[in-house]
Amino acid sequence: MNVSSILWGFSDGWEMFKRNLKHIFRNPESLFISIILPIILMLMFVYVFGGAIQIGTDYVNYVVPGIIIICVGYGSSMTAVSVCQDKVGGLFDRLRSMAIHPSALLVGHVTGSFVRNMISTTLVFIVALLVGFRPEASILHWIGVIAFLSLFMLAISWLSVIFGLIADSVETASAFTFFLMFLPYVSSAFVPTETMPSWLHFVAENQPMTPLIETLRGLLIGTPIGSNAWLSVAWFGGLLIFAVIGAVVVFNRQTGK
């Protein structure tokens, strides 16, 4: 790949990023839903279930990492819908006749999703602080939180792109939301995994959300992290590599690039 091709890719990717950013702010209800849903979940768990769940610390401090994961997952899943809308709406057919870099459309969707997730995650953190969340993180710990969340956002966003590319309809693409919303419930997001039946405890401990949540919890409120940080990097770093390659292969096949 020569320099001109790289510059061409950046230029087209920037234009597609601006296109997706305009779509986000011209469709504020989708941004609103991606924010309000995690906030409602957090308020429900803190004020309805929090009094009955004993985890040795304030429940709001315990539950915030899981709520953030759900917020990011839901926001990223909307990328699958946007990609599928472009496919069924005929944009892919137009790309075949346009001098546009093959990766630009996908990069635009992922970067737009990243910005939307950063906005919604920041607002959820602010609401969490208002209802009693008291993190003990230092500046380095906050940088770690941002780094792990960024890795998670990118991995899930690229995976959403694959789902949007292979889905035959927008309704099918939206099903990806249920997958991302369900997985954190079978993890340590809301209750310690030790309280689960033995077979479910094994599933919860060995799925990717639990090490990520435990890493964020450790960075934010000082609980032990152990090997969870490395497991998180392995899970979502590997998923990111797989999803990027998979998305490009599927996209090239569908557009004939």
Protein backbone atom coordinates (compact mmCIF):
# COMPACT_ATOMS: atom_id res chain seq x y z
CA MET A 1 0.00 0.00 0.00
CA ASN A 2 1.54 3.35 -1.05
CA VAL A 3 1.29 6.76 0.66
CA SER A 4 -1.33 8.13 -1.73
CA SER A 5 -3.60 5.16 -1.03
CA ILE A 6 -3.28 5.71 2.74
CA LEU A 7 -4.06 9.44 2.37
CA TRP A 8 -6.98 8.57 0.11
CA GLY A 9 -8.29 6.18 2.77
CA PHE A 10 -7.99 8.81 5.54
CA SER A 11 -9.68 11.46 3.40
CA ASP A 12 -12.64 9.26 2.46
CA GLY A 13 -12.86 7.89 6.00
CA TRP A 14 -13.06 11.45 7.36
CA GLU A 15 -15.91 12.30 4.98
CA MET A 16 -17.80 9.15 6.01
CA PHE A 17 -17.18 9.97 9.69
CA LYS A 18 -18.72 13.44 9.18
CA ARG A 19 -21.67 11.81 7.39
CA ASN A 20 -22.32 9.46 10.33
CA LEU A 21 -21.86 12.26 12.86
CA LYS A 22 -24.56 14.28 11.07
CA HIS A 23 -26.86 11.25 11.15
CA ILE A 24 -26.35 10.90 14.91
CA PHE A 25 -27.21 14.52 15.70
CA ARG A 26 -30.05 14.65 13.15
CA ASN A 27 -31.52 11.57 14.83
CA PRO A 28 -31.30 12.62 18.51
CA GLU A 29 -33.88 10.05 19.65
CA SER A 30 -31.43 7.19 18.99
CA LEU A 31 -28.77 8.97 21.07
CA PHE A 32 -31.38 9.69 23.74
CA ILE A 33 -32.47 6.03 23.92
CA SER A 34 -28.86 4.80 24.13
CA ILE A 35 -28.42 7.11 27.15
CA ILE A 36 -31.77 6.87 28.92
CA LEU A 37 -31.98 3.06 28.87
CA PRO A 38 -28.77 2.46 30.91
CA ILE A 39 -29.73 5.28 33.27
CA ILE A 40 -33.15 3.69 33.94
CA LEU A 41 -31.46 0.34 34.51
CA MET A 42 -29.00 1.90 36.95
CA LEU A 43 -31.74 3.70 38.91
CA MET A 44 -33.83 0.52 39.02
CA PHE A 45 -30.99 -1.66 40.29
CA VAL A 46 -29.76 0.93 42.80
CA TYR A 47 -33.11 1.95 44.26
CA VAL A 48 -35.26 -1.18 43.71
CA PHE A 49 -32.86 -4.12 44.08
CA GLY A 50 -29.86 -2.46 45.72
CA GLY A 51 -31.27 -2.65 49.25
CA ALA A 52 -31.73 -6.42 49.01
CA ILE A 53 -28.29 -7.21 47.53
CA GLN A 54 -25.43 -7.32 50.03
CA ILE A 55 -22.00 -7.10 48.39
CA GLY A 56 -19.97 -5.44 51.15
CA THR A 57 -19.93 -1.94 49.65
CA ASP A 58 -22.42 0.63 48.40
CA TYR A 59 -24.33 -1.08 45.64
CA VAL A 60 -24.12 1.93 43.31
CA ASN A 61 -20.31 1.66 43.36
CA TYR A 62 -20.56 -2.04 42.54
CA VAL A 63 -23.10 -1.76 39.72
CA VAL A 64 -21.78 1.22 37.70
CA PRO A 65 -19.16 -0.76 35.65
CA GLY A 66 -21.87 -3.19 34.51
CA ILE A 67 -24.22 -0.34 33.58
CA ILE A 68 -21.44 1.30 31.55
CA ILE A 69 -20.85 -1.97 29.67
CA ILE A 70 -24.56 -2.21 28.84
CA CYS A 71 -24.53 1.44 27.70
CA VAL A 72 -21.57 0.86 25.38
CA GLY A 73 -22.99 -2.43 24.09
CA TYR A 74 -26.36 -0.94 23.29
CA GLY A 75 -24.83 2.10 21.58
CA SER A 76 -22.52 -0.04 19.48
CA SER A 77 -25.31 -2.39 18.48
CA MET A 78 -27.03 0.56 16.77
CA THR A 79 -24.11 0.49 14.33
CA ALA A 80 -25.41 -2.84 13.01
CA VAL A 81 -28.71 -1.15 12.19
CA SER A 82 -26.99 1.80 10.45
CA VAL A 83 -24.79 -0.48 8.34
CA CYS A 84 -27.77 -2.62 7.33
CA GLN A 85 -29.75 0.50 6.44
CA ASP A 86 -26.95 1.56 4.08
CA LYS A 87 -26.92 -1.90 2.51
CA VAL A 88 -30.66 -2.32 1.96
CA GLY A 89 -31.00 1.37 1.06
CA GLY A 90 -28.77 0.96 -2.01
CA LEU A 91 -25.65 2.78 -0.84
CA PHE A 92 -23.49 -0.29 -1.46
CA ASP A 93 -24.65 -0.38 -5.08
CA ARG A 94 -23.68 3.29 -5.47
CA LEU A 95 -20.23 2.58 -4.02
CA ARG A 96 -19.47 0.24 -6.91
CA SER A 97 -19.52 3.19 -9.30
CA MET A 98 -17.78 5.71 -7.03
CA ALA A 99 -14.08 6.44 -6.58
CA ILE A 100 -14.15 5.84 -2.84
CA HIS A 101 -11.72 3.90 -0.69
CA PRO A 102 -13.23 0.48 0.19
CA SER A 103 -12.68 0.87 3.94
CA ALA A 104 -14.04 4.44 4.22
CA LEU A 105 -17.69 3.53 4.80
CA LEU A 106 -16.85 1.01 7.53
CA VAL A 107 -14.39 3.36 9.24
CA GLY A 108 -17.01 6.11 9.16
CA HIS A 109 -19.57 3.88 10.88
CA VAL A 110 -17.12 2.71 13.57
CA THR A 111 -15.75 6.17 14.38
CA GLY A 112 -19.28 7.59 14.50
CA SER A 113 -20.27 4.80 16.89
CA PHE A 114 -17.18 5.54 19.01
CA VAL A 115 -18.12 9.21 19.38
CA ARG A 116 -21.75 8.35 20.22
CA ASN A 117 -20.56 5.87 22.88
CA MET A 118 -18.16 8.39 24.40
CA ILE A 119 -20.99 10.94 24.74
CA SER A 120 -23.48 8.46 26.24
CA THR A 121 -20.88 6.91 28.59
CA THR A 122 -19.85 10.34 29.91
CA LEU A 123 -23.47 11.27 30.62
CA VAL A 124 -24.10 7.94 32.38
CA PHE A 125 -21.00 8.55 34.56
CA ILE A 126 -22.37 12.02 35.46
CA VAL A 127 -25.76 10.60 36.47
CA ALA A 128 -24.00 7.87 38.48
CA LEU A 129 -22.10 10.56 40.42
CA LEU A 130 -25.38 12.34 41.13
CA VAL A 131 -26.94 9.19 42.64
CA GLY A 132 -23.98 8.44 44.90
CA PHE A 133 -21.24 6.78 42.83
CA ARG A 134 -17.91 7.63 44.50
CA PRO A 135 -14.90 6.35 42.50
CA GLU A 136 -11.46 6.26 44.14
CA ALA A 137 -9.54 6.22 40.85
CA SER A 138 -6.35 8.22 40.31
CA ILE A 139 -5.58 9.93 37.00
CA LEU A 140 -3.68 6.82 35.82
CA HIS A 141 -6.65 4.64 36.78
CA TRP A 142 -9.02 6.88 34.79
CA ILE A 143 -6.68 6.63 31.79
CA GLY A 144 -6.89 2.85 32.21
CA VAL A 145 -10.70 3.00 32.34
CA ILE A 146 -10.77 5.03 29.11
CA ALA A 147 -8.32 2.64 27.43
CA PHE A 148 -10.29 -0.51 28.33
CA LEU A 149 -13.61 1.08 27.38
CA SER A 150 -12.13 2.28 24.06
CA LEU A 151 -10.90 -1.24 23.27
CA PHE A 152 -14.34 -2.62 24.13
CA MET A 153 -16.12 0.04 22.04
CA LEU A 154 -13.98 -0.59 18.97
CA ALA A 155 -14.24 -4.39 19.21
CA ILE A 156 -18.02 -4.38 19.63
CA SER A 157 -18.49 -1.69 16.95
CA TRP A 158 -16.53 -3.70 14.34
CA LEU A 159 -18.44 -6.84 15.34
CA SER A 160 -21.67 -4.84 14.86
CA VAL A 161 -20.48 -3.93 11.36
CA ILE A 162 -20.22 -7.63 10.47
CA PHE A 163 -23.68 -8.25 11.88
CA GLY A 164 -25.09 -5.32 9.88
CA LEU A 165 -23.42 -6.58 6.70
CA ILE A 166 -24.75 -10.14 6.92
CA ALA A 167 -28.26 -9.21 8.14
CA ASP A 168 -30.95 -9.28 5.44
CA SER A 169 -33.09 -6.61 7.08
CA VAL A 170 -32.89 -3.81 9.61
CA GLU A 171 -35.12 -5.83 11.96
CA THR A 172 -32.63 -8.72 11.89
CA ALA A 173 -29.71 -6.34 12.47
CA SER A 174 -31.45 -4.89 15.53
CA ALA A 175 -31.43 -8.39 17.11
CA PHE A 176 -27.75 -7.82 17.83
CA THR A 177 -28.97 -5.49 20.59
CA PHE A 178 -30.46 -8.40 22.53
CA PHE A 179 -27.18 -10.32 22.44
CA LEU A 180 -25.21 -7.41 23.87
CA MET A 181 -27.89 -6.54 26.41
CA PHE A 182 -28.21 -10.13 27.65
CA LEU A 183 -24.54 -11.05 28.10
CA PRO A 184 -23.78 -8.65 31.02
CA TYR A 185 -26.65 -10.17 33.04
CA VAL A 186 -24.81 -13.52 33.05
CA SER A 187 -21.67 -11.97 34.53
CA SER A 188 -20.55 -10.18 37.70
CA ALA A 189 -22.25 -6.97 36.56
CA PHE A 190 -25.08 -7.00 39.11
CA VAL A 191 -24.31 -9.74 41.65
CA PRO A 192 -21.13 -11.69 42.56
CA THR A 193 -20.81 -14.80 40.41
CA GLU A 194 -20.29 -16.88 43.60
CA THR A 195 -24.00 -16.50 44.35
CA MET A 196 -24.97 -18.27 41.11
CA PRO A 197 -25.56 -22.03 40.66
CA SER A 198 -22.30 -23.88 39.94
CA TRP A 199 -22.97 -24.41 36.21
CA LEU A 200 -23.98 -20.77 35.74
CA HIS A 201 -21.04 -19.62 37.85
CA PHE A 202 -18.71 -21.39 35.41
CA VAL A 203 -20.36 -19.66 32.43
CA ALA A 204 -20.28 -16.25 34.12
CA GLU A 205 -16.62 -16.55 35.09
CA ASN A 206 -15.51 -17.64 31.62
CA GLN A 207 -17.34 -15.22 29.39
CA PRO A 208 -15.65 -11.98 28.21
CA MET A 209 -17.80 -9.46 30.10
CA THR A 210 -16.80 -10.59 33.61
CA PRO A 211 -13.02 -9.87 33.36
CA LEU A 212 -13.75 -6.49 31.74
CA ILE A 213 -16.26 -5.54 34.44
CA GLU A 214 -13.89 -6.69 37.22
CA THR A 215 -11.06 -4.68 35.63
CA LEU A 216 -13.17 -1.52 35.47
CA ARG A 217 -14.43 -2.12 39.02
CA GLY A 218 -10.85 -2.50 40.26
CA LEU A 219 -9.70 0.68 38.51
CA LEU A 220 -12.69 2.69 39.71
CA ILE A 221 -13.19 1.54 43.32
CA GLY A 222 -10.02 -0.40 44.12
CA THR A 223 -11.24 -4.02 44.20
CA PRO A 224 -8.64 -6.72 43.26
CA ILE A 225 -8.06 -6.98 39.49
CA GLY A 226 -5.74 -10.02 39.34
CA SER A 227 -5.50 -11.48 35.84
CA ASN A 228 -8.73 -9.85 34.67
CA ALA A 229 -6.92 -6.99 32.89
CA TRP A 230 -4.89 -9.37 30.72
CA LEU A 231 -7.95 -11.53 30.07
CA SER A 232 -9.86 -8.42 28.94
CA VAL A 233 -7.09 -7.42 26.53
CA ALA A 234 -6.95 -10.98 25.17
CA TRP A 235 -10.72 -11.25 24.74
CA PHE A 236 -11.40 -7.87 23.16
CA GLY A 237 -8.03 -7.38 21.42
CA GLY A 238 -8.55 -10.73 19.71
CA LEU A 239 -12.16 -9.89 18.94
CA LEU A 240 -11.11 -6.54 17.45
CA ILE A 241 -8.59 -8.17 15.09
CA PHE A 242 -11.08 -10.83 14.05
CA ALA A 243 -13.92 -8.31 13.56
CA VAL A 244 -11.85 -5.84 11.48
CA ILE A 245 -10.61 -8.56 9.12
CA GLY A 246 -14.05 -10.20 8.95
CA ALA A 247 -15.85 -6.92 8.24
CA VAL A 248 -13.47 -5.99 5.41
CA VAL A 249 -13.75 -9.45 3.81
CA VAL A 250 -17.57 -9.49 3.97
CA PHE A 251 -17.80 -5.88 2.75
CA ASN A 252 -15.49 -6.49 -0.21
CA ARG A 253 -17.49 -9.54 -1.25
CA GLN A 254 -20.76 -7.61 -1.11
CA THR A 255 -19.51 -4.54 -2.98
CA GLY A 256 -17.29 -6.41 -5.44
CA LYS A 257 -14.30 -4.22 -4.51
